[in-house]
Amino acid sequence: EVTYLGTVYGTMAALKRMRERNRGTIVQVGSALAYRAIPLQSAYCGAK
């Protein structure tokens, strides 16, 4: 909820305003673990 849905909620809040003006930038801070999952961090990797 924090790592994945927090990003979704932040993106939605930004988009709601940026679409009205047709401008803006959203940066998602990801990780190499968004492509290559590693053991002992399944929750974090799954969210990324």
All heavy atoms as atom14 arrays in JSON, in Angstrom:
{
  "sequence": "EVTYLGTVYGTMAALKRMRERNRGTIVQVGSALAYRAIPLQSAYCGAK",
  "atom14_mask": [
    [1, 1, 1, 1, 1, 1, 1, 1, 1, 0, 0, 0, 0, 0],
    [1, 1, 1, 1, 1, 1, 1, 0, 0, 0, 0, 0, 0, 0],
    [1, 1, 1, 1, 1, 1, 1, 0, 0, 0, 0, 0, 0, 0],
    [1, 1, 1, 1, 1, 1, 1, 1, 1, 1, 1, 1, 0, 0],
    [1, 1, 1, 1, 1, 1, 1, 1, 0, 0, 0, 0, 0, 0],
    [1, 1, 1, 1, 0, 0, 0, 0, 0, 0, 0, 0, 0, 0],
    [1, 1, 1, 1, 1, 1, 1, 0, 0, 0, 0, 0, 0, 0],
    [1, 1, 1, 1, 1, 1, 1, 0, 0, 0, 0, 0, 0, 0],
    [1, 1, 1, 1, 1, 1, 1, 1, 1, 1, 1, 1, 0, 0],
    [1, 1, 1, 1, 0, 0, 0, 0, 0, 0, 0, 0, 0, 0],
    [1, 1, 1, 1, 1, 1, 1, 0, 0, 0, 0, 0, 0, 0],
    [1, 1, 1, 1, 1, 1, 1, 1, 0, 0, 0, 0, 0, 0],
    [1, 1, 1, 1, 1, 0, 0, 0, 0, 0, 0, 0, 0, 0],
    [1, 1, 1, 1, 1, 0, 0, 0, 0, 0, 0, 0, 0, 0],
    [1, 1, 1, 1, 1, 1, 1, 1, 0, 0, 0, 0, 0, 0],
    [1, 1, 1, 1, 1, 1, 1, 1, 1, 0, 0, 0, 0, 0],
    [1, 1, 1, 1, 1, 1, 1, 1, 1, 1, 1, 0, 0, 0],
    [1, 1, 1, 1, 1, 1, 1, 1, 0, 0, 0, 0, 0, 0],
    [1, 1, 1, 1, 1, 1, 1, 1, 1, 1, 1, 0, 0, 0],
    [1, 1, 1, 1, 1, 1, 1, 1, 1, 0, 0, 0, 0, 0],
    [1, 1, 1, 1, 1, 1, 1, 1, 1, 1, 1, 0, 0, 0],
    [1, 1, 1, 1, 1, 1, 1, 1, 0, 0, 0, 0, 0, 0],
    [1, 1, 1, 1, 1, 1, 1, 1, 1, 1, 1, 0, 0, 0],
    [1, 1, 1, 1, 0, 0, 0, 0, 0, 0, 0, 0, 0, 0],
    [1, 1, 1, 1, 1, 1, 1, 0, 0, 0, 0, 0, 0, 0],
    [1, 1, 1, 1, 1, 1, 1, 1, 0, 0, 0, 0, 0, 0],
    [1, 1, 1, 1, 1, 1, 1, 0, 0, 0, 0, 0, 0, 0],
    [1, 1, 1, 1, 1, 1, 1, 1, 1, 0, 0, 0, 0, 0],
    [1, 1, 1, 1, 1, 1, 1, 0, 0, 0, 0, 0, 0, 0],
    [1, 1, 1, 1, 0, 0, 0, 0, 0, 0, 0, 0, 0, 0],
    [1, 1, 1, 1, 1, 1, 0, 0, 0, 0, 0, 0, 0, 0],
    [1, 1, 1, 1, 1, 0, 0, 0, 0, 0, 0, 0, 0, 0],
    [1, 1, 1, 1, 1, 1, 1, 1, 0, 0, 0, 0, 0, 0],
    [1, 1, 1, 1, 1, 0, 0, 0, 0, 0, 0, 0, 0, 0],
    [1, 1, 1, 1, 1, 1, 1, 1, 1, 1, 1, 1, 0, 0],
    [1, 1, 1, 1, 1, 1, 1, 1, 1, 1, 1, 0, 0, 0],
    [1, 1, 1, 1, 1, 0, 0, 0, 0, 0, 0, 0, 0, 0],
    [1, 1, 1, 1, 1, 1, 1, 1, 0, 0, 0, 0, 0, 0],
    [1, 1, 1, 1, 1, 1, 1, 0, 0, 0, 0, 0, 0, 0],
    [1, 1, 1, 1, 1, 1, 1, 1, 0, 0, 0, 0, 0, 0],
    [1, 1, 1, 1, 1, 1, 1, 1, 1, 0, 0, 0, 0, 0],
    [1, 1, 1, 1, 1, 1, 0, 0, 0, 0, 0, 0, 0, 0],
    [1, 1, 1, 1, 1, 0, 0, 0, 0, 0, 0, 0, 0, 0],
    [1, 1, 1, 1, 1, 1, 1, 1, 1, 1, 1, 1, 0, 0],
    [1, 1, 1, 1, 1, 1, 0, 0, 0, 0, 0, 0, 0, 0],
    [1, 1, 1, 1, 0, 0, 0, 0, 0, 0, 0, 0, 0, 0],
    [1, 1, 1, 1, 1, 0, 0, 0, 0, 0, 0, 0, 0, 0],
    [1, 1, 1, 1, 1, 1, 1, 1, 1, 0, 0, 0, 0, 0]
  ],
  "atom14_positions": [
    [[0.82, -1.21, 0.0], [0.0, 0.0, 0.0], [0.86, 1.26, 0.0], [0.55, 2.24, -0.68], [-0.93, -0.01, 1.21], [-2.08, -0.99, 1.07], [-2.96, -1.04, 2.3], [-2.5, -0.64, 3.39], [-4.11, -1.5, 2.18], [0.0, 0.0, 0.0], [0.0, 0.0, 0.0], [0.0, 0.0, 0.0], [0.0, 0.0, 0.0], [0.0, 0.0, 0.0]],
    [[1.94, 1.25, 0.76], [2.8, 2.43, 0.82], [3.6, 2.59, -0.47], [3.58, 3.65, -1.11], [3.77, 2.35, 2.02], [4.78, 3.51, 1.98], [3.0, 2.37, 3.33], [0.0, 0.0, 0.0], [0.0, 0.0, 0.0], [0.0, 0.0, 0.0], [0.0, 0.0, 0.0], [0.0, 0.0, 0.0], [0.0, 0.0, 0.0], [0.0, 0.0, 0.0]],
    [[4.28, 1.54, -0.89], [5.21, 1.65, -2.01], [4.5, 1.71, -3.35], [4.8, 2.58, -4.18], [6.19, 0.46, -2.0], [6.77, 0.33, -0.71], [7.29, 0.66, -3.03], [0.0, 0.0, 0.0], [0.0, 0.0, 0.0], [0.0, 0.0, 0.0], [0.0, 0.0, 0.0], [0.0, 0.0, 0.0], [0.0, 0.0, 0.0], [0.0, 0.0, 0.0]],
    [[3.55, 0.81, -3.58], [2.85, 0.79, -4.88], [1.66, 1.74, -4.91], [1.61, 2.68, -5.7], [2.4, -0.62, -5.22], [1.51, -0.67, -6.45], [1.92, -0.09, -7.66], [0.25, -1.27, -6.41], [1.1, -0.11, -8.78], [-0.56, -1.29, -7.53], [-0.14, -0.71, -8.71], [-0.95, -0.72, -9.81], [0.0, 0.0, 0.0], [0.0, 0.0, 0.0]],
    [[0.68, 1.52, -4.0], [-0.51, 2.35, -4.05], [-0.2, 3.81, -3.71], [-0.85, 4.72, -4.24], [-1.59, 1.8, -3.13], [-2.22, 0.48, -3.58], [-3.28, 0.02, -2.59], [-2.81, 0.62, -4.98], [0.0, 0.0, 0.0], [0.0, 0.0, 0.0], [0.0, 0.0, 0.0], [0.0, 0.0, 0.0], [0.0, 0.0, 0.0], [0.0, 0.0, 0.0]],
    [[0.79, 4.05, -2.88], [1.19, 5.43, -2.61], [1.64, 6.13, -3.87], [1.34, 7.31, -4.09], [0.0, 0.0, 0.0], [0.0, 0.0, 0.0], [0.0, 0.0, 0.0], [0.0, 0.0, 0.0], [0.0, 0.0, 0.0], [0.0, 0.0, 0.0], [0.0, 0.0, 0.0], [0.0, 0.0, 0.0], [0.0, 0.0, 0.0], [0.0, 0.0, 0.0]],
    [[2.34, 5.4, -4.73], [2.76, 5.96, -6.02], [1.55, 6.19, -6.93], [1.45, 7.23, -7.61], [3.75, 5.01, -6.71], [4.96, 4.97, -5.94], [4.07, 5.46, -8.12], [0.0, 0.0, 0.0], [0.0, 0.0, 0.0], [0.0, 0.0, 0.0], [0.0, 0.0, 0.0], [0.0, 0.0, 0.0], [0.0, 0.0, 0.0], [0.0, 0.0, 0.0]],
    [[0.62, 5.25, -6.94], [-0.59, 5.4, -7.75], [-1.39, 6.61, -7.28], [-1.82, 7.44, -8.1], [-1.46, 4.13, -7.67], [-2.81, 4.35, -8.35], [-0.73, 2.95, -8.31], [0.0, 0.0, 0.0], [0.0, 0.0, 0.0], [0.0, 0.0, 0.0], [0.0, 0.0, 0.0], [0.0, 0.0, 0.0], [0.0, 0.0, 0.0], [0.0, 0.0, 0.0]],
    [[-1.58, 6.75, -5.98], [-2.38, 7.87, -5.46], [-1.7, 9.21, -5.75], [-2.37, 10.19, -6.11], [-2.6, 7.72, -3.95], [-3.35, 6.47, -3.55], [-3.16, 5.87, -2.3], [-4.26, 5.87, -4.42], [-3.85, 4.74, -1.92], [-4.95, 4.73, -4.05], [-4.74, 4.15, -2.8], [-5.41, 3.02, -2.43], [0.0, 0.0, 0.0], [0.0, 0.0, 0.0]],
    [[-0.38, 9.26, -5.61], [0.34, 10.49, -5.92], [0.22, 10.85, -7.39], [0.0, 12.01, -7.75], [0.0, 0.0, 0.0], [0.0, 0.0, 0.0], [0.0, 0.0, 0.0], [0.0, 0.0, 0.0], [0.0, 0.0, 0.0], [0.0, 0.0, 0.0], [0.0, 0.0, 0.0], [0.0, 0.0, 0.0], [0.0, 0.0, 0.0], [0.0, 0.0, 0.0]],
    [[0.33, 9.85, -8.24], [0.21, 10.07, -9.68], [-1.18, 10.57, -10.04], [-1.34, 11.5, -10.85], [0.51, 8.77, -10.44], [1.84, 8.34, -10.12], [0.4, 8.97, -11.94], [0.0, 0.0, 0.0], [0.0, 0.0, 0.0], [0.0, 0.0, 0.0], [0.0, 0.0, 0.0], [0.0, 0.0, 0.0], [0.0, 0.0, 0.0], [0.0, 0.0, 0.0]],
    [[-2.2, 9.98, -9.46], [-3.57, 10.39, -9.74], [-3.84, 11.83, -9.29], [-4.49, 12.6, -10.01], [-4.55, 9.42, -9.07], [-4.5, 8.01, -9.65], [-5.52, 6.82, -8.73], [-7.14, 7.28, -9.28], [0.0, 0.0, 0.0], [0.0, 0.0, 0.0], [0.0, 0.0, 0.0], [0.0, 0.0, 0.0], [0.0, 0.0, 0.0], [0.0, 0.0, 0.0]],
    [[-3.31, 12.19, -8.12], [-3.5, 13.55, -7.63], [-2.8, 14.56, -8.54], [-3.33, 15.64, -8.83], [-2.97, 13.68, -6.2], [0.0, 0.0, 0.0], [0.0, 0.0, 0.0], [0.0, 0.0, 0.0], [0.0, 0.0, 0.0], [0.0, 0.0, 0.0], [0.0, 0.0, 0.0], [0.0, 0.0, 0.0], [0.0, 0.0, 0.0], [0.0, 0.0, 0.0]],
    [[-1.61, 14.2, -9.0], [-0.88, 15.09, -9.91], [-1.59, 15.2, -11.25], [-1.77, 16.31, -11.8], [0.54, 14.57, -10.11], [0.0, 0.0, 0.0], [0.0, 0.0, 0.0], [0.0, 0.0, 0.0], [0.0, 0.0, 0.0], [0.0, 0.0, 0.0], [0.0, 0.0, 0.0], [0.0, 0.0, 0.0], [0.0, 0.0, 0.0], [0.0, 0.0, 0.0]],
    [[-2.02, 14.08, -11.79], [-2.69, 14.08, -13.09], [-3.97, 14.9, -13.09], [-4.28, 15.59, -14.07], [-3.03, 12.64, -13.5], [-1.94, 11.82, -14.17], [-2.45, 10.42, -14.44], [-1.47, 12.47, -15.46], [0.0, 0.0, 0.0], [0.0, 0.0, 0.0], [0.0, 0.0, 0.0], [0.0, 0.0, 0.0], [0.0, 0.0, 0.0], [0.0, 0.0, 0.0]],
    [[-4.71, 14.83, -12.02], [-5.97, 15.57, -11.93], [-5.76, 17.05, -12.22], [-6.59, 17.7, -12.86], [-6.58, 15.37, -10.54], [-7.89, 16.1, -10.32], [-8.43, 15.81, -8.93], [-9.72, 16.6, -8.66], [-10.25, 16.29, -7.29], [0.0, 0.0, 0.0], [0.0, 0.0, 0.0], [0.0, 0.0, 0.0], [0.0, 0.0, 0.0], [0.0, 0.0, 0.0]],
    [[-4.62, 17.57, -11.77], [-4.33, 18.98, -11.96], [-3.55, 19.24, -13.25], [-3.79, 20.23, -13.94], [-3.56, 19.49, -10.74], [-4.47, 19.54, -9.53], [-3.79, 19.28, -8.21], [-4.81, 19.33, -7.16], [-5.52, 18.25, -6.77], [-5.3, 17.07, -7.33], [-6.45, 18.37, -5.85], [0.0, 0.0, 0.0], [0.0, 0.0, 0.0], [0.0, 0.0, 0.0]],
    [[-2.64, 18.37, -13.58], [-1.83, 18.57, -14.78], [-2.64, 18.45, -16.06], [-2.38, 19.16, -17.04], [-0.67, 17.58, -14.8], [0.37, 17.82, -13.73], [1.69, 16.58, -13.74], [2.74, 17.18, -12.4], [0.0, 0.0, 0.0], [0.0, 0.0, 0.0], [0.0, 0.0, 0.0], [0.0, 0.0, 0.0], [0.0, 0.0, 0.0], [0.0, 0.0, 0.0]],
    [[-3.65, 17.58, -16.07], [-4.47, 17.43, -17.26], [-5.27, 18.7, -17.56], [-5.51, 19.03, -18.73], [-5.42, 16.24, -17.13], [-4.72, 14.88, -17.2], [-5.74, 13.74, -17.21], [-6.45, 13.71, -18.49], [-6.11, 12.94, -19.53], [-5.06, 12.15, -19.44], [-6.81, 12.96, -20.63], [0.0, 0.0, 0.0], [0.0, 0.0, 0.0], [0.0, 0.0, 0.0]],
    [[-5.66, 19.42, -16.53], [-6.39, 20.67, -16.74], [-5.54, 21.7, -17.47], [-6.05, 22.5, -18.25], [-6.85, 21.24, -15.39], [-7.88, 20.38, -14.68], [-8.22, 20.93, -13.31], [-7.55, 21.91, -12.87], [-9.15, 20.4, -12.66], [0.0, 0.0, 0.0], [0.0, 0.0, 0.0], [0.0, 0.0, 0.0], [0.0, 0.0, 0.0], [0.0, 0.0, 0.0]],
    [[-4.21, 21.65, -17.23], [-3.3, 22.64, -17.82], [-2.54, 22.07, -19.02], [-1.83, 22.8, -19.71], [-2.31, 23.12, -16.76], [-2.97, 23.8, -15.58], [-1.95, 24.33, -14.59], [-1.28, 23.29, -13.83], [-1.69, 22.86, -12.64], [-2.79, 23.37, -12.09], [-1.02, 21.93, -11.99], [0.0, 0.0, 0.0], [0.0, 0.0, 0.0], [0.0, 0.0, 0.0]],
    [[-2.64, 20.74, -19.19], [-1.92, 20.03, -20.25], [-0.41, 20.25, -20.16], [0.28, 20.46, -21.16], [-2.42, 20.44, -21.65], [-1.92, 19.48, -22.73], [-1.74, 18.29, -22.49], [-1.68, 20.01, -23.91], [0.0, 0.0, 0.0], [0.0, 0.0, 0.0], [0.0, 0.0, 0.0], [0.0, 0.0, 0.0], [0.0, 0.0, 0.0], [0.0, 0.0, 0.0]],
    [[0.11, 20.14, -18.97], [1.56, 20.24, -18.78], [1.92, 19.67, -17.41], [1.07, 19.56, -16.52], [2.05, 21.67, -18.89], [1.51, 22.62, -17.82], [2.09, 24.02, -17.97], [1.51, 24.96, -17.02], [1.92, 25.11, -15.76], [2.92, 24.36, -15.3], [1.33, 25.98, -14.97], [0.0, 0.0, 0.0], [0.0, 0.0, 0.0], [0.0, 0.0, 0.0]],
    [[3.18, 19.31, -17.26], [3.67, 18.79, -16.0], [4.48, 17.52, -16.19], [4.43, 16.89, -17.25], [0.0, 0.0, 0.0], [0.0, 0.0, 0.0], [0.0, 0.0, 0.0], [0.0, 0.0, 0.0], [0.0, 0.0, 0.0], [0.0, 0.0, 0.0], [0.0, 0.0, 0.0], [0.0, 0.0, 0.0], [0.0, 0.0, 0.0], [0.0, 0.0, 0.0]],
    [[5.24, 17.17, -15.17], [6.09, 15.98, -15.21], [5.91, 15.17, -13.94], [5.88, 15.73, -12.83], [7.57, 16.38, -15.35], [7.76, 17.09, -16.58], [8.47, 15.15, -15.33], [0.0, 0.0, 0.0], [0.0, 0.0, 0.0], [0.0, 0.0, 0.0], [0.0, 0.0, 0.0], [0.0, 0.0, 0.0], [0.0, 0.0, 0.0], [0.0, 0.0, 0.0]],
    [[5.79, 13.87, -14.1], [5.69, 12.94, -12.97], [6.9, 12.01, -13.02], [7.17, 11.39, -14.06], [4.4, 12.13, -13.02], [3.18, 13.06, -12.97], [4.35, 11.11, -11.87], [1.87, 12.36, -13.26], [0.0, 0.0, 0.0], [0.0, 0.0, 0.0], [0.0, 0.0, 0.0], [0.0, 0.0, 0.0], [0.0, 0.0, 0.0], [0.0, 0.0, 0.0]],
    [[7.64, 11.94, -11.94], [8.82, 11.08, -11.85], [8.56, 9.97, -10.85], [8.29, 10.23, -9.67], [10.07, 11.88, -11.42], [11.3, 10.97, -11.38], [10.31, 13.07, -12.36], [0.0, 0.0, 0.0], [0.0, 0.0, 0.0], [0.0, 0.0, 0.0], [0.0, 0.0, 0.0], [0.0, 0.0, 0.0], [0.0, 0.0, 0.0], [0.0, 0.0, 0.0]],
    [[8.6, 8.73, -11.33], [8.47, 7.58, -10.45], [9.87, 7.09, -10.08], [10.66, 6.74, -10.96], [7.72, 6.43, -11.15], [6.51, 6.85, -11.97], [5.31, 7.27, -11.14], [5.46, 7.98, -10.16], [4.13, 6.87, -11.56], [0.0, 0.0, 0.0], [0.0, 0.0, 0.0], [0.0, 0.0, 0.0], [0.0, 0.0, 0.0], [0.0, 0.0, 0.0]],
    [[10.17, 7.07, -8.81], [11.48, 6.58, -8.37], [11.4, 5.06, -8.25], [10.72, 4.53, -7.37], [11.9, 7.22, -7.03], [13.25, 6.66, -6.59], [11.97, 8.74, -7.18], [0.0, 0.0, 0.0], [0.0, 0.0, 0.0], [0.0, 0.0, 0.0], [0.0, 0.0, 0.0], [0.0, 0.0, 0.0], [0.0, 0.0, 0.0], [0.0, 0.0, 0.0]],
    [[12.06, 4.41, -9.18], [12.03, 2.95, -9.23], [13.36, 2.35, -8.8], [14.1, 2.92, -7.99], [0.0, 0.0, 0.0], [0.0, 0.0, 0.0], [0.0, 0.0, 0.0], [0.0, 0.0, 0.0], [0.0, 0.0, 0.0], [0.0, 0.0, 0.0], [0.0, 0.0, 0.0], [0.0, 0.0, 0.0], [0.0, 0.0, 0.0], [0.0, 0.0, 0.0]],
    [[13.66, 1.21, -9.35], [14.84, 0.46, -8.93], [15.16, -0.59, -9.99], [14.28, -1.0, -10.75], [14.54, -0.23, -7.59], [15.52, -1.19, -7.28], [0.0, 0.0, 0.0], [0.0, 0.0, 0.0], [0.0, 0.0, 0.0], [0.0, 0.0, 0.0], [0.0, 0.0, 0.0], [0.0, 0.0, 0.0], [0.0, 0.0, 0.0], [0.0, 0.0, 0.0]],
    [[16.4, -1.0, -10.01], [16.75, -2.14, -10.85], [15.91, -3.35, -10.46], [15.67, -4.25, -11.27], [18.24, -2.47, -10.7], [0.0, 0.0, 0.0], [0.0, 0.0, 0.0], [0.0, 0.0, 0.0], [0.0, 0.0, 0.0], [0.0, 0.0, 0.0], [0.0, 0.0, 0.0], [0.0, 0.0, 0.0], [0.0, 0.0, 0.0], [0.0, 0.0, 0.0]],
    [[15.4, -3.35, -9.21], [14.58, -4.45, -8.72], [13.18, -4.43, -9.33], [12.38, -5.33, -9.08], [14.48, -4.42, -7.2], [15.82, -4.44, -6.45], [15.59, -4.59, -4.96], [16.74, -5.54, -6.97], [0.0, 0.0, 0.0], [0.0, 0.0, 0.0], [0.0, 0.0, 0.0], [0.0, 0.0, 0.0], [0.0, 0.0, 0.0], [0.0, 0.0, 0.0]],
    [[12.88, -3.41, -10.14], [11.63, -3.4, -10.91], [11.76, -4.31, -12.13], [10.75, -4.58, -12.8], [11.3, -1.98, -11.35], [0.0, 0.0, 0.0], [0.0, 0.0, 0.0], [0.0, 0.0, 0.0], [0.0, 0.0, 0.0], [0.0, 0.0, 0.0], [0.0, 0.0, 0.0], [0.0, 0.0, 0.0], [0.0, 0.0, 0.0], [0.0, 0.0, 0.0]],
    [[12.96, -4.74, -12.43], [13.22, -5.66, -13.54], [13.79, -6.99, -13.05], [13.48, -8.05, -13.6], [14.24, -5.05, -14.52], [13.68, -3.98, -15.41], [13.68, -2.65, -15.02], [13.18, -4.29, -16.67], [13.18, -1.65, -15.85], [12.68, -3.31, -17.51], [12.68, -1.99, -17.1], [12.19, -1.01, -17.93], [0.0, 0.0, 0.0], [0.0, 0.0, 0.0]],
    [[14.66, -6.95, -12.05], [15.32, -8.15, -11.54], [15.03, -8.28, -10.05], [15.64, -7.61, -9.22], [16.81, -8.07, -11.79], [17.64, -9.17, -11.16], [17.36, -10.56, -11.71], [16.67, -11.41, -10.75], [16.4, -12.69, -10.98], [16.75, -13.25, -12.15], [15.76, -13.41, -10.09], [0.0, 0.0, 0.0], [0.0, 0.0, 0.0], [0.0, 0.0, 0.0]],
    [[14.06, -9.11, -9.69], [13.72, -9.31, -8.29], [14.81, -10.1, -7.59], [15.51, -10.91, -8.2], [12.38, -10.03, -8.16], [0.0, 0.0, 0.0], [0.0, 0.0, 0.0], [0.0, 0.0, 0.0], [0.0, 0.0, 0.0], [0.0, 0.0, 0.0], [0.0, 0.0, 0.0], [0.0, 0.0, 0.0], [0.0, 0.0, 0.0], [0.0, 0.0, 0.0]],
    [[14.96, -9.86, -6.29], [15.96, -10.57, -5.51], [15.3, -11.19, -4.27], [14.24, -10.73, -3.83], [17.12, -9.65, -5.09], [16.61, -8.51, -4.19], [17.83, -9.09, -6.32], [17.73, -7.63, -3.64], [0.0, 0.0, 0.0], [0.0, 0.0, 0.0], [0.0, 0.0, 0.0], [0.0, 0.0, 0.0], [0.0, 0.0, 0.0], [0.0, 0.0, 0.0]],
    [[15.91, -12.22, -3.7], [15.33, -12.83, -2.5], [15.38, -11.88, -1.32], [16.16, -10.93, -1.3], [16.24, -14.05, -2.27], [17.55, -13.66, -2.89], [17.18, -12.85, -4.1], [0.0, 0.0, 0.0], [0.0, 0.0, 0.0], [0.0, 0.0, 0.0], [0.0, 0.0, 0.0], [0.0, 0.0, 0.0], [0.0, 0.0, 0.0], [0.0, 0.0, 0.0]],
    [[14.53, -12.13, -0.35], [14.45, -11.4, 0.92], [13.84, -10.01, 0.78], [13.73, -9.29, 1.76], [15.84, -11.29, 1.59], [16.58, -12.62, 1.81], [17.93, -12.36, 2.47], [15.75, -13.58, 2.64], [0.0, 0.0, 0.0], [0.0, 0.0, 0.0], [0.0, 0.0, 0.0], [0.0, 0.0, 0.0], [0.0, 0.0, 0.0], [0.0, 0.0, 0.0]],
    [[13.44, -9.61, -0.43], [12.78, -8.32, -0.64], [11.57, -8.48, -1.56], [11.34, -7.66, -2.44], [13.75, -7.29, -1.21], [14.84, -6.86, -0.25], [15.46, -5.54, -0.64], [14.77, -4.53, -0.82], [16.77, -5.53, -0.77], [0.0, 0.0, 0.0], [0.0, 0.0, 0.0], [0.0, 0.0, 0.0], [0.0, 0.0, 0.0], [0.0, 0.0, 0.0]],
    [[10.81, -9.52, -1.36], [9.69, -9.82, -2.26], [8.64, -8.71, -2.26], [8.1, -8.36, -3.33], [9.04, -11.15, -1.86], [8.6, -11.1, -0.49], [0.0, 0.0, 0.0], [0.0, 0.0, 0.0], [0.0, 0.0, 0.0], [0.0, 0.0, 0.0], [0.0, 0.0, 0.0], [0.0, 0.0, 0.0], [0.0, 0.0, 0.0], [0.0, 0.0, 0.0]],
    [[8.32, -8.15, -1.11], [7.29, -7.1, -1.04], [7.73, -5.86, -1.81], [6.97, -5.27, -2.58], [6.99, -6.75, 0.41], [0.0, 0.0, 0.0], [0.0, 0.0, 0.0], [0.0, 0.0, 0.0], [0.0, 0.0, 0.0], [0.0, 0.0, 0.0], [0.0, 0.0, 0.0], [0.0, 0.0, 0.0], [0.0, 0.0, 0.0], [0.0, 0.0, 0.0]],
    [[8.97, -5.46, -1.6], [9.5, -4.27, -2.28], [9.62, -4.51, -3.79], [9.21, -3.67, -4.59], [10.86, -3.93, -1.68], [11.52, -2.71, -2.27], [11.15, -1.43, -1.89], [12.55, -2.84, -3.21], [11.76, -0.31, -2.42], [13.16, -1.73, -3.75], [12.77, -0.47, -3.34], [13.38, 0.64, -3.89], [0.0, 0.0, 0.0], [0.0, 0.0, 0.0]],
    [[10.17, -5.66, -4.16], [10.32, -5.97, -5.59], [8.96, -6.03, -6.28], [8.79, -5.49, -7.39], [11.05, -7.3, -5.77], [12.77, -7.27, -5.27], [0.0, 0.0, 0.0], [0.0, 0.0, 0.0], [0.0, 0.0, 0.0], [0.0, 0.0, 0.0], [0.0, 0.0, 0.0], [0.0, 0.0, 0.0], [0.0, 0.0, 0.0], [0.0, 0.0, 0.0]],
    [[8.0, -6.69, -5.65], [6.67, -6.79, -6.24], [6.05, -5.42, -6.46], [5.44, -5.15, -7.5], [0.0, 0.0, 0.0], [0.0, 0.0, 0.0], [0.0, 0.0, 0.0], [0.0, 0.0, 0.0], [0.0, 0.0, 0.0], [0.0, 0.0, 0.0], [0.0, 0.0, 0.0], [0.0, 0.0, 0.0], [0.0, 0.0, 0.0], [0.0, 0.0, 0.0]],
    [[6.24, -4.51, -5.5], [5.7, -3.16, -5.63], [6.37, -2.4, -6.75], [5.72, -1.68, -7.52], [5.84, -2.42, -4.3], [0.0, 0.0, 0.0], [0.0, 0.0, 0.0], [0.0, 0.0, 0.0], [0.0, 0.0, 0.0], [0.0, 0.0, 0.0], [0.0, 0.0, 0.0], [0.0, 0.0, 0.0], [0.0, 0.0, 0.0], [0.0, 0.0, 0.0]],
    [[7.69, -2.54, -6.87], [8.41, -1.82, -7.93], [8.05, -2.37, -9.32], [7.96, -1.61, -10.28], [9.92, -1.9, -7.69], [10.4, -1.12, -6.49], [10.11, 0.38, -6.62], [10.63, 1.17, -5.43], [10.35, 2.62, -5.54], [0.0, 0.0, 0.0], [0.0, 0.0, 0.0], [0.0, 0.0, 0.0], [0.0, 0.0, 0.0], [0.0, 0.0, 0.0]]
  ]
}
